[in-house]
PDB file of N, CA and C in Angstrom:
ATOM      1  N   MET A   1      -6.513   1.433  23.244  1.00  0.00           N
ATOM      2  CA  MET A   1      -7.135   1.717  22.107  1.00  0.00           C
ATOM      3  C   MET A   1      -7.920   0.252  21.704  1.00  0.00           C
ATOM      4  N   ASN A   2      -8.836   0.370  20.791  1.00  0.00           N
ATOM      5  CA  ASN A   2     -10.028  -0.040  20.225  1.00  0.00           C
ATOM      6  C   ASN A   2      -9.729  -0.515  19.381  1.00  0.00           C
ATOM      7  N   VAL A   3     -10.289  -2.373  18.422  1.00  0.00           N
ATOM      8  CA  VAL A   3     -10.258  -2.629  17.301  1.00  0.00           C
ATOM      9  C   VAL A   3     -10.745  -2.123  16.291  1.00  0.00           C
ATOM     10  N   SER A   4     -11.118  -1.004  16.790  1.00  0.00           N
ATOM     11  CA  SER A   4     -12.508  -0.479  15.290  1.00  0.00           C
ATOM     12  C   SER A   4     -11.343   0.946  15.027  1.00  0.00           C
ATOM     13  N   LEU A   5     -10.472   1.149  16.471  1.00  0.00           N
ATOM     14  CA  LEU A   5      -9.333   2.310  16.166  1.00  0.00           C
ATOM     15  C   LEU A   5      -8.311   1.859  15.067  1.00  0.00           C
ATOM     16  N   PHE A   6      -8.022   0.561  15.660  1.00  0.00           N
ATOM     17  CA  PHE A   6      -6.727   0.187  14.612  1.00  0.00           C
ATOM     18  C   PHE A   6      -6.706  -0.365  13.177  1.00  0.00           C
ATOM     19  N   SER A   7      -8.362  -0.843  13.630  1.00  0.00           N
ATOM     20  CA  SER A   7      -8.579  -0.986  11.676  1.00  0.00           C
ATOM     21  C   SER A   7      -8.876  -0.021  10.711  1.00  0.00           C
ATOM     22  N   SER A   8      -9.391   1.399  11.148  1.00  0.00           N
ATOM     23  CA  SER A   8      -8.949   2.392  10.701  1.00  0.00           C
ATOM     24  C   SER A   8      -8.125   2.442  10.185  1.00  0.00           C
ATOM     25  N   VAL A   9      -7.019   2.863  11.074  1.00  0.00           N
ATOM     26  CA  VAL A   9      -6.162   3.291  11.234  1.00  0.00           C
ATOM     27  C   VAL A   9      -5.253   2.644  10.185  1.00  0.00           C
ATOM     28  N   VAL A  10      -5.343   1.392   9.521  1.00  0.00           N
ATOM     29  CA  VAL A  10      -4.992   0.175   8.692  1.00  0.00           C
ATOM     30  C   VAL A  10      -5.517   0.301   7.248  1.00  0.00           C
ATOM     31  N   ILE A  11      -6.455   0.649   7.430  1.00  0.00           N
ATOM     32  CA  ILE A  11      -7.137   0.656   6.218  1.00  0.00           C
ATOM     33  C   ILE A  11      -6.939   2.196   5.852  1.00  0.00           C
ATOM     34  N   ALA A  12      -6.548   3.306   6.307  1.00  0.00           N
ATOM     35  CA  ALA A  12      -6.956   4.699   5.750  1.00  0.00           C
ATOM     36  C   ALA A  12      -5.271   4.555   5.618  1.00  0.00           C
ATOM     37  N   LEU A  13      -4.107   3.946   5.772  1.00  0.00           N
ATOM     38  CA  LEU A  13      -2.875   4.097   5.719  1.00  0.00           C
ATOM     39  C   LEU A  13      -2.545   2.718   4.422  1.00  0.00           C
ATOM     40  N   ALA A  14      -3.530   2.031   4.156  1.00  0.00           N
ATOM     41  CA  ALA A  14      -2.945   1.651   3.077  1.00  0.00           C
ATOM     42  C   ALA A  14      -3.638   2.178   2.027  1.00  0.00           C
ATOM     43  N   LEU A  15      -4.650   2.449   1.956  1.00  0.00           N
ATOM     44  CA  LEU A  15      -5.577   3.871   0.748  1.00  0.00           C
ATOM     45  C   LEU A  15      -3.908   4.898   0.645  1.00  0.00           C
ATOM     46  N   ILE A  16      -3.084   5.588   1.699  1.00  0.00           N
ATOM     47  CA  ILE A  16      -2.785   6.406   1.200  1.00  0.00           C
ATOM     48  C   ILE A  16      -1.109   5.920   0.159  1.00  0.00           C
ATOM     49  N   LEU A  17      -0.472   4.684   1.324  1.00  0.00           N
ATOM     50  CA  LEU A  17       0.719   4.134   0.771  1.00  0.00           C
ATOM     51  C   LEU A  17      -0.008   3.658  -0.517  1.00  0.00           C
ATOM     52  N   ALA A  18      -0.948   2.854  -1.296  1.00  0.00           N
ATOM     53  CA  ALA A  18      -1.169   2.981  -2.072  1.00  0.00           C
ATOM     54  C   ALA A  18      -1.412   3.402  -2.931  1.00  0.00           C
ATOM     55  N   THR A  19      -1.999   4.718  -3.106  1.00  0.00           N
ATOM     56  CA  THR A  19      -1.925   5.816  -4.444  1.00  0.00           C
ATOM     57  C   THR A  19      -0.487   6.558  -4.254  1.00  0.00           C
ATOM     58  N   LEU A  20      -0.007   6.322  -2.906  1.00  0.00           N
ATOM     59  CA  LEU A  20       1.907   7.076  -3.432  1.00  0.00           C
ATOM     60  C   LEU A  20       2.857   7.224  -4.404  1.00  0.00           C
ATOM     61  N   PRO A  21       2.867   5.897  -5.209  1.00  0.00           N
ATOM     62  CA  PRO A  21       3.563   5.397  -5.927  1.00  0.00           C
ATOM     63  C   PRO A  21       2.866   6.942  -7.043  1.00  0.00           C
ATOM     64  N   PHE A  22       1.714   5.891  -7.564  1.00  0.00           N
ATOM     65  CA  PHE A  22       1.554   7.287  -8.325  1.00  0.00           C
ATOM     66  C   PHE A  22       1.700   8.639  -8.410  1.00  0.00           C
ATOM     67  N   LEU A  23       0.920   9.191  -7.563  1.00  0.00           N
ATOM     68  CA  LEU A  23       1.946  10.720  -7.126  1.00  0.00           C
ATOM     69  C   LEU A  23       2.779  11.415  -6.641  1.00  0.00           C
ATOM     70  N   SER A  24       3.551  10.543  -6.658  1.00  0.00           N
ATOM     71  CA  SER A  24       5.114  10.909  -7.127  1.00  0.00           C
ATOM     72  C   SER A  24       6.125  10.264  -7.607  1.00  0.00           C
ATOM     73  N   GLU A  25       7.210  11.132  -7.910  1.00  0.00           N
ATOM     74  CA  GLU A  25       8.517  10.529  -8.911  1.00  0.00           C
ATOM     75  C   GLU A  25       9.335   9.777  -8.651  1.00  0.00           C
ATOM     76  N   ARG A  26       9.995  10.548  -6.986  1.00  0.00           N
ATOM     77  CA  ARG A  26      10.259   9.992  -6.326  1.00  0.00           C
ATOM     78  C   ARG A  26      10.557   8.460  -5.839  1.00  0.00           C
ATOM     79  N   LEU A  27      11.840   7.837  -6.061  1.00  0.00           N
ATOM     80  CA  LEU A  27      11.228   6.948  -5.505  1.00  0.00           C
ATOM     81  C   LEU A  27      10.332   6.831  -3.407  1.00  0.00           C
ATOM     82  N   PHE A  28       9.673   5.715  -3.339  1.00  0.00           N
ATOM     83  CA  PHE A  28       9.153   5.699  -2.077  1.00  0.00           C
ATOM     84  C   PHE A  28       8.981   6.781  -1.350  1.00  0.00           C
ATOM     85  N   ALA A  29       9.163   7.905  -2.391  1.00  0.00           N
ATOM     86  CA  ALA A  29       8.255   9.294  -1.908  1.00  0.00           C
ATOM     87  C   ALA A  29       9.989  10.342  -0.944  1.00  0.00           C
ATOM     88  N   LEU A  30      11.136  10.105  -0.865  1.00  0.00           N
ATOM     89  CA  LEU A  30      12.838   9.819  -0.617  1.00  0.00           C
ATOM     90  C   LEU A  30      13.334   9.961  -1.443  1.00  0.00           C
ATOM     91  N   ILE A  31      13.708   9.640  -2.579  1.00  0.00           N
ATOM     92  CA  ILE A  31      14.762   9.029  -3.275  1.00  0.00           C
ATOM     93  C   ILE A  31      14.204  10.092  -4.509  1.00  0.00           C
ATOM     94  N   ALA A  32      15.708  10.696  -5.315  1.00  0.00           N
ATOM     95  CA  ALA A  32      15.191  11.624  -6.218  1.00  0.00           C
ATOM     96  C   ALA A  32      15.879  10.679  -7.365  1.00  0.00           C
ATOM     97  N   LEU A  33      15.470  10.403  -8.288  1.00  0.00           N
ATOM     98  CA  LEU A  33      15.768   9.159  -9.269  1.00  0.00           C
ATOM     99  C   LEU A  33      16.363  10.174 -10.168  1.00  0.00           C
ATOM    100  N   GLU A  34      17.631  10.166 -10.238  1.00  0.00           N
ATOM    101  CA  GLU A  34      18.273  11.169 -11.330  1.00  0.00           C
ATOM    102  C   GLU A  34      18.479  10.201 -12.703  1.00  0.00           C
ATOM    103  N   ARG A  35      18.333   8.941 -12.976  1.00  0.00           N
ATOM    104  CA  ARG A  35      18.717   7.483 -13.894  1.00  0.00           C
ATOM    105  C   ARG A  35      18.050   8.292 -14.975  1.00  0.00           C
ATOM    106  N   PHE A  36      16.469   7.768 -14.455  1.00  0.00           N
ATOM    107  CA  PHE A  36      14.999   8.099 -14.624  1.00  0.00           C
ATOM    108  C   PHE A  36      14.119   9.978 -14.843  1.00  0.00           C
ATOM    109  N   PRO A  37      13.546  10.124 -16.606  1.00  0.00           N
ATOM    110  CA  PRO A  37      13.319  11.451 -15.562  1.00  0.00           C
ATOM    111  C   PRO A  37      11.735  10.874 -15.283  1.00  0.00           C
ATOM    112  N   LYS A  38      11.219  10.229 -15.602  1.00  0.00           N
ATOM    113  CA  LYS A  38      10.067   9.766 -15.322  1.00  0.00           C
ATOM    114  C   LYS A  38      10.180   8.468 -14.340  1.00  0.00           C
ATOM    115  N   LYS A  39       9.576   8.428 -13.426  1.00  0.00           N
ATOM    116  CA  LYS A  39       9.537   6.775 -13.233  1.00  0.00           C
ATOM    117  C   LYS A  39       8.714   6.027 -13.655  1.00  0.00           C
ATOM    118  N   PRO A  40       9.295   4.930 -13.538  1.00  0.00           N
ATOM    119  CA  PRO A  40       8.675   3.693 -14.947  1.00  0.00           C
ATOM    120  C   PRO A  40       7.924   2.980 -14.071  1.00  0.00           C
ATOM    121  N   PHE A  41       6.517   2.546 -14.913  1.00  0.00           N
ATOM    122  CA  PHE A  41       5.742   1.945 -14.133  1.00  0.00           C
ATOM    123  C   PHE A  41       6.115   0.953 -13.441  1.00  0.00           C
ATOM    124  N   TRP A  42       6.876  -0.485 -14.090  1.00  0.00           N
ATOM    125  CA  TRP A  42       7.413  -1.215 -13.060  1.00  0.00           C
ATOM    126  C   TRP A  42       8.254  -1.503 -12.328  1.00  0.00           C
ATOM    127  N   LEU A  43       8.267  -0.162 -12.427  1.00  0.00           N
ATOM    128  CA  LEU A  43       9.224   0.802 -10.998  1.00  0.00           C
ATOM    129  C   LEU A  43       7.935   1.119  -9.491  1.00  0.00           C
ATOM    130  N   ARG A  44       7.108   1.596 -10.238  1.00  0.00           N
ATOM    131  CA  ARG A  44       5.726   1.682  -9.468  1.00  0.00           C
ATOM    132  C   ARG A  44       5.616   0.341  -9.096  1.00  0.00           C
ATOM    133  N   LEU A  45       5.605  -0.243  -9.906  1.00  0.00           N
ATOM    134  CA  LEU A  45       4.683  -1.379  -9.321  1.00  0.00           C
ATOM    135  C   LEU A  45       5.433  -2.446  -8.130  1.00  0.00           C
ATOM    136  N   ILE A  46       6.648  -2.323  -8.252  1.00  0.00           N
ATOM    137  CA  ILE A  46       7.480  -2.621  -7.154  1.00  0.00           C
ATOM    138  C   ILE A  46       7.148  -2.325  -6.067  1.00  0.00           C
ATOM    139  N   GLU A  47       6.691  -0.904  -6.394  1.00  0.00           N
ATOM    140  CA  GLU A  47       6.920   0.592  -4.828  1.00  0.00           C
ATOM    141  C   GLU A  47       5.698  -0.457  -4.035  1.00  0.00           C
ATOM    142  N   LEU A  48       4.775  -0.230  -4.838  1.00  0.00           N
ATOM    143  CA  LEU A  48       3.198  -0.646  -4.311  1.00  0.00           C
ATOM    144  C   LEU A  48       3.200  -2.035  -4.006  1.00  0.00           C
ATOM    145  N   LEU A  49       4.520  -3.387  -4.410  1.00  0.00           N
ATOM    146  CA  LEU A  49       4.228  -4.632  -4.082  1.00  0.00           C
ATOM    147  C   LEU A  49       5.078  -4.321  -2.087  1.00  0.00           C
ATOM    148  N   THR A  50       5.920  -3.557  -2.256  1.00  0.00           N
ATOM    149  CA  THR A  50       6.399  -3.172  -1.485  1.00  0.00           C
ATOM    150  C   THR A  50       6.287  -2.559   0.002  1.00  0.00           C
ATOM    151  N   TYR A  51       4.867  -1.353  -0.569  1.00  0.00           N
ATOM    152  CA  TYR A  51       4.076  -0.863   0.233  1.00  0.00           C
ATOM    153  C   TYR A  51       2.917  -1.614   1.247  1.00  0.00           C
ATOM    154  N   TYR A  52       3.053  -2.782  -0.344  1.00  0.00           N
ATOM    155  CA  TYR A  52       1.228  -3.917   0.468  1.00  0.00           C
ATOM    156  C   TYR A  52       2.526  -4.391   1.623  1.00  0.00           C
ATOM    157  N   PHE A  53       3.196  -4.975   1.593  1.00  0.00           N
ATOM    158  CA  PHE A  53       4.162  -6.014   2.335  1.00  0.00           C
ATOM    159  C   PHE A  53       4.822  -4.721   3.573  1.00  0.00           C
ATOM    160  N   LEU A  54       4.911  -3.911   3.586  1.00  0.00           N
ATOM    161  CA  LEU A  54       4.719  -3.406   4.874  1.00  0.00           C
ATOM    162  C   LEU A  54       3.184  -2.462   5.430  1.00  0.00           C
ATOM    163  N   VAL A  55       2.448  -2.082   5.229  1.00  0.00           N
ATOM    164  CA  VAL A  55       0.933  -2.316   5.699  1.00  0.00           C
ATOM    165  C   VAL A  55       0.733  -3.492   5.783  1.00  0.00           C
ATOM    166  N   GLY A  56       0.654  -4.498   5.417  1.00  0.00           N
ATOM    167  CA  GLY A  56       0.960  -6.030   6.197  1.00  0.00           C
ATOM    168  C   GLY A  56       1.592  -6.564   7.570  1.00  0.00           C
ATOM    169  N   VAL A  57       3.118  -5.685   7.638  1.00  0.00           N
ATOM    170  CA  VAL A  57       3.589  -6.614   8.790  1.00  0.00           C
ATOM    171  C   VAL A  57       2.646  -5.438   9.640  1.00  0.00           C
ATOM    172  N   LEU A  58       2.192  -3.798   9.192  1.00  0.00           N
ATOM    173  CA  LEU A  58       1.812  -3.306  10.406  1.00  0.00           C
ATOM    174  C   LEU A  58       0.298  -4.039  10.811  1.00  0.00           C
ATOM    175  N   GLY A  59      -0.244  -4.454   9.553  1.00  0.00           N
ATOM    176  CA  GLY A  59      -1.092  -4.895   9.995  1.00  0.00           C
ATOM    177  C   GLY A  59      -1.700  -6.534  11.594  1.00  0.00           C
ATOM    178  N   PHE A  60      -0.349  -6.687  10.957  1.00  0.00           N
ATOM    179  CA  PHE A  60       0.337  -7.691  12.201  1.00  0.00           C
ATOM    180  C   PHE A  60       0.477  -7.723  12.974  1.00  0.00           C
ATOM    181  N   ALA A  61       1.216  -6.556  12.986  1.00  0.00           N
ATOM    182  CA  ALA A  61       2.257  -6.014  14.206  1.00  0.00           C
ATOM    183  C   ALA A  61       0.952  -5.829  15.723  1.00  0.00           C
ATOM    184  N   LEU A  62      -0.208  -4.958  14.932  1.00  0.00           N
ATOM    185  CA  LEU A  62      -1.260  -4.293  15.785  1.00  0.00           C
ATOM    186  C   LEU A  62      -1.817  -5.845  16.393  1.00  0.00           C
ATOM    187  N   GLU A  63      -2.458  -6.468  15.412  1.00  0.00           N
ATOM    188  CA  GLU A  63      -3.060  -7.727  16.175  1.00  0.00           C
ATOM    189  C   GLU A  63      -2.671  -8.351  17.205  1.00  0.00           C
ATOM    190  N   SER A  64      -0.880  -9.142  16.830  1.00  0.00           N
ATOM    191  CA  SER A  64      -0.787  -8.736  18.354  1.00  0.00           C
ATOM    192  C   SER A  64      -0.577  -8.305  19.044  1.00  0.00           C
ATOM    193  N   LYS A  65      -0.591  -7.085  18.998  1.00  0.00           N
ATOM    194  CA  LYS A  65      -0.469  -6.222  20.263  1.00  0.00           C
ATOM    195  C   LYS A  65      -1.705  -5.831  20.851  1.00  0.00           C
ATOM    196  N   LEU A  66      -2.952  -6.074  20.107  1.00  0.00           N
ATOM    197  CA  LEU A  66      -4.497  -6.366  20.664  1.00  0.00           C
ATOM    198  C   LEU A  66      -4.631  -7.472  21.388  1.00  0.00           C
ATOM    199  N   GLY A  67      -4.015  -9.045  21.189  1.00  0.00           N
ATOM    200  CA  GLY A  67      -4.324  -9.935  21.354  1.00  0.00           C
ATOM    201  C   GLY A  67      -3.624 -11.186  21.033  1.00  0.00           C
ATOM    202  N   ASN A  68      -4.801 -12.074  20.607  1.00  0.00           N
ATOM    203  CA  ASN A  68      -4.706 -12.854  19.608  1.00  0.00           C
ATOM    204  C   ASN A  68      -4.484 -12.570  18.174  1.00  0.00           C
ATOM    205  N   ARG A  69      -3.106 -13.688  17.943  1.00  0.00           N
ATOM    206  CA  ARG A  69      -2.913 -12.868  16.541  1.00  0.00           C
ATOM    207  C   ARG A  69      -3.587 -14.522  15.674  1.00  0.00           C
ATOM    208  N   PHE A  70      -4.738 -14.492  15.174  1.00  0.00           N
ATOM    209  CA  PHE A  70      -5.040 -15.431  13.701  1.00  0.00           C
ATOM    210  C   PHE A  70      -4.282 -15.280  12.713  1.00  0.00           C
ATOM    211  N   PRO A  71      -4.478 -17.391  12.729  1.00  0.00           N
ATOM    212  CA  PRO A  71      -4.362 -17.753  10.924  1.00  0.00           C
ATOM    213  C   PRO A  71      -4.413 -17.370   9.926  1.00  0.00           C
ATOM    214  N   GLN A  72      -3.405 -16.783   9.358  1.00  0.00           N
ATOM    215  CA  GLN A  72      -4.654 -16.594   7.467  1.00  0.00           C
ATOM    216  C   GLN A  72      -4.273 -17.369   6.780  1.00  0.00           C
ATOM    217  N   THR A  73      -4.507 -18.005   5.520  1.00  0.00           N
ATOM    218  CA  THR A  73      -4.682 -18.711   4.180  1.00  0.00           C
ATOM    219  C   THR A  73      -4.413 -17.755   3.137  1.00  0.00           C
ATOM    220  N   TRP A  74      -3.978 -18.444   2.324  1.00  0.00           N
ATOM    221  CA  TRP A  74      -3.883 -17.906   1.639  1.00  0.00           C
ATOM    222  C   TRP A  74      -4.909 -16.883   0.353  1.00  0.00           C
ATOM    223  N   GLU A  75      -6.213 -16.986   0.881  1.00  0.00           N
ATOM    224  CA  GLU A  75      -6.823 -17.146   0.548  1.00  0.00           C
ATOM    225  C   GLU A  75      -7.443 -15.083   0.951  1.00  0.00           C
ATOM    226  N   PHE A  76      -6.874 -14.531   2.223  1.00  0.00           N
ATOM    227  CA  PHE A  76      -6.761 -13.981   3.271  1.00  0.00           C
ATOM    228  C   PHE A  76      -5.829 -12.850   1.897  1.00  0.00           C
ATOM    229  N   TYR A  77      -4.529 -13.710   1.858  1.00  0.00           N
ATOM    230  CA  TYR A  77      -3.717 -12.612   1.415  1.00  0.00           C
ATOM    231  C   TYR A  77      -4.179 -12.457  -0.317  1.00  0.00           C
ATOM    232  N   ALA A  78      -4.527 -13.087  -1.090  1.00  0.00           N
ATOM    233  CA  ALA A  78      -5.379 -12.765  -2.016  1.00  0.00           C
ATOM    234  C   ALA A  78      -6.273 -11.188  -2.509  1.00  0.00           C
ATOM    235  N   VAL A  79      -7.187 -11.791  -1.099  1.00  0.00           N
ATOM    236  CA  VAL A  79      -8.327 -10.865  -1.179  1.00  0.00           C
ATOM    237  C   VAL A  79      -7.878  -8.981  -0.722  1.00  0.00           C
ATOM    238  N   THR A  80      -6.967  -9.640   0.249  1.00  0.00           N
ATOM    239  CA  THR A  80      -6.176  -7.950   1.026  1.00  0.00           C
ATOM    240  C   THR A  80      -5.504  -7.568  -0.387  1.00  0.00           C
ATOM    241  N   PHE A  81      -4.422  -8.269  -1.082  1.00  0.00           N
ATOM    242  CA  PHE A  81      -3.844  -7.788  -2.512  1.00  0.00           C
ATOM    243  C   PHE A  81      -4.933  -6.481  -3.514  1.00  0.00           C
ATOM    244  N   CYS A  82      -5.740  -8.147  -3.715  1.00  0.00           N
ATOM    245  CA  CYS A  82      -7.163  -7.220  -4.704  1.00  0.00           C
ATOM    246  C   CYS A  82      -7.206  -5.869  -4.626  1.00  0.00           C
ATOM    247  N   MET A  83      -8.027  -6.064  -2.649  1.00  0.00           N
ATOM    248  CA  MET A  83      -8.208  -4.422  -2.306  1.00  0.00           C
ATOM    249  C   MET A  83      -6.622  -3.376  -2.421  1.00  0.00           C
ATOM    250  N   PHE A  84      -5.929  -3.748  -1.974  1.00  0.00           N
ATOM    251  CA  PHE A  84      -4.274  -2.871  -2.138  1.00  0.00           C
ATOM    252  C   PHE A  84      -4.747  -1.990  -3.835  1.00  0.00           C
ATOM    253  N   ILE A  85      -4.985  -2.674  -4.442  1.00  0.00           N
ATOM    254  CA  ILE A  85      -4.695  -2.952  -6.132  1.00  0.00           C
ATOM    255  C   ILE A  85      -6.301  -1.568  -6.313  1.00  0.00           C
ATOM    256  N   VAL A  86      -6.892  -2.051  -5.501  1.00  0.00           N
ATOM    257  CA  VAL A  86      -8.678  -1.474  -5.831  1.00  0.00           C
ATOM    258  C   VAL A  86      -8.131   0.076  -5.218  1.00  0.00           C
ATOM    259  N   PHE A  87      -7.171   0.436  -3.754  1.00  0.00           N
ATOM    260  CA  PHE A  87      -6.702   1.538  -3.773  1.00  0.00           C
ATOM    261  C   PHE A  87      -6.136   2.272  -3.967  1.00  0.00           C
ATOM    262  N   ALA A  88      -5.235   1.521  -5.284  1.00  0.00           N
ATOM    263  CA  ALA A  88      -4.705   2.227  -5.708  1.00  0.00           C
ATOM    264  C   ALA A  88      -5.275   2.819  -6.751  1.00  0.00           C
ATOM    265  N   PHE A  89      -6.256   2.931  -7.378  1.00  0.00           N
ATOM    266  CA  PHE A  89      -6.465   3.000  -8.362  1.00  0.00           C
ATOM    267  C   PHE A  89      -6.997   4.407  -8.414  1.00  0.00           C
ATOM    268  N   PRO A  90      -7.625   4.918  -7.775  1.00  0.00           N
ATOM    269  CA  PRO A  90      -7.730   6.804  -8.212  1.00  0.00           C
ATOM    270  C   PRO A  90      -5.512   7.717  -8.400  1.00  0.00           C
ATOM    271  N   GLY A  91      -5.255   6.574  -7.707  1.00  0.00           N
ATOM    272  CA  GLY A  91      -3.572   7.200  -7.647  1.00  0.00           C
ATOM    273  C   GLY A  91      -2.983   6.747  -9.920  1.00  0.00           C
ATOM    274  N   PHE A  92      -3.580   5.042  -9.941  1.00  0.00           N
ATOM    275  CA  PHE A  92      -3.492   5.509 -11.160  1.00  0.00           C
ATOM    276  C   PHE A  92      -3.997   5.947 -12.566  1.00  0.00           C
ATOM    277  N   ILE A  93      -5.680   6.565 -12.016  1.00  0.00           N
ATOM    278  CA  ILE A  93      -6.381   7.456 -12.459  1.00  0.00           C
ATOM    279  C   ILE A  93      -5.377   8.878 -13.140  1.00  0.00           C
ATOM    280  N   TYR A  94      -5.177   9.212 -11.719  1.00  0.00           N
ATOM    281  CA  TYR A  94      -4.445  10.217 -11.912  1.00  0.00           C
ATOM    282  C   TYR A  94      -3.210  10.929 -12.816  1.00  0.00           C
ATOM    283  N   ARG A  95      -2.434   9.330 -12.663  1.00  0.00           N
ATOM    284  CA  ARG A  95      -1.181   9.315 -13.222  1.00  0.00           C
ATOM    285  C   ARG A  95      -0.994   8.810 -14.694  1.00  0.00           C
ATOM    286  N   TYR A  96      -2.274   7.983 -14.966  1.00  0.00           N
ATOM    287  CA  TYR A  96      -2.033   7.171 -16.985  1.00  0.00           C
ATOM    288  C   TYR A  96      -3.094   7.728 -17.519  1.00  0.00           C
ATOM    289  N   LEU A  97      -4.019   8.048 -16.792  1.00  0.00           N
ATOM    290  CA  LEU A  97      -5.817   8.409 -17.509  1.00  0.00           C
ATOM    291  C   LEU A  97      -6.139   9.766 -17.524  1.00  0.00           C
ATOM    292  N   LYS A  98      -5.898  10.238 -16.323  1.00  0.00           N
ATOM    293  CA  LYS A  98      -6.324  11.706 -16.688  1.00  0.00           C
ATOM    294  C   LYS A  98      -5.428  12.982 -17.420  1.00  0.00           C
ATOM    295  N   LYS A  99      -5.729  13.334 -17.930  1.00  0.00           N
ATOM    296  CA  LYS A  99      -4.787  14.435 -19.042  1.00  0.00           C
ATOM    297  C   LYS A  99      -5.262  15.208 -19.372  1.00  0.00           C
TER     298      LYS A  99
END
């Protein structure tokens, strides 16, 4: 497998996982919540952060598999988090703004 395929897989997975908290009423799309009839916004944000770290771990694992893993600074994490928020925008629009 080449670098282009790995990066495409990570980006596609990030797009899917960023929108998932807003499309599903279940916690992590698996666990039904009896306590809440609708999943609250703060729980969606926690789920979004968890998915961000999950995609980051997968990205580092794929980068290590390809060869050298490059050290990253805080700017890298700030940009990737903002990109993850942008990826979540279609799900947010669907859940809260489209009525």
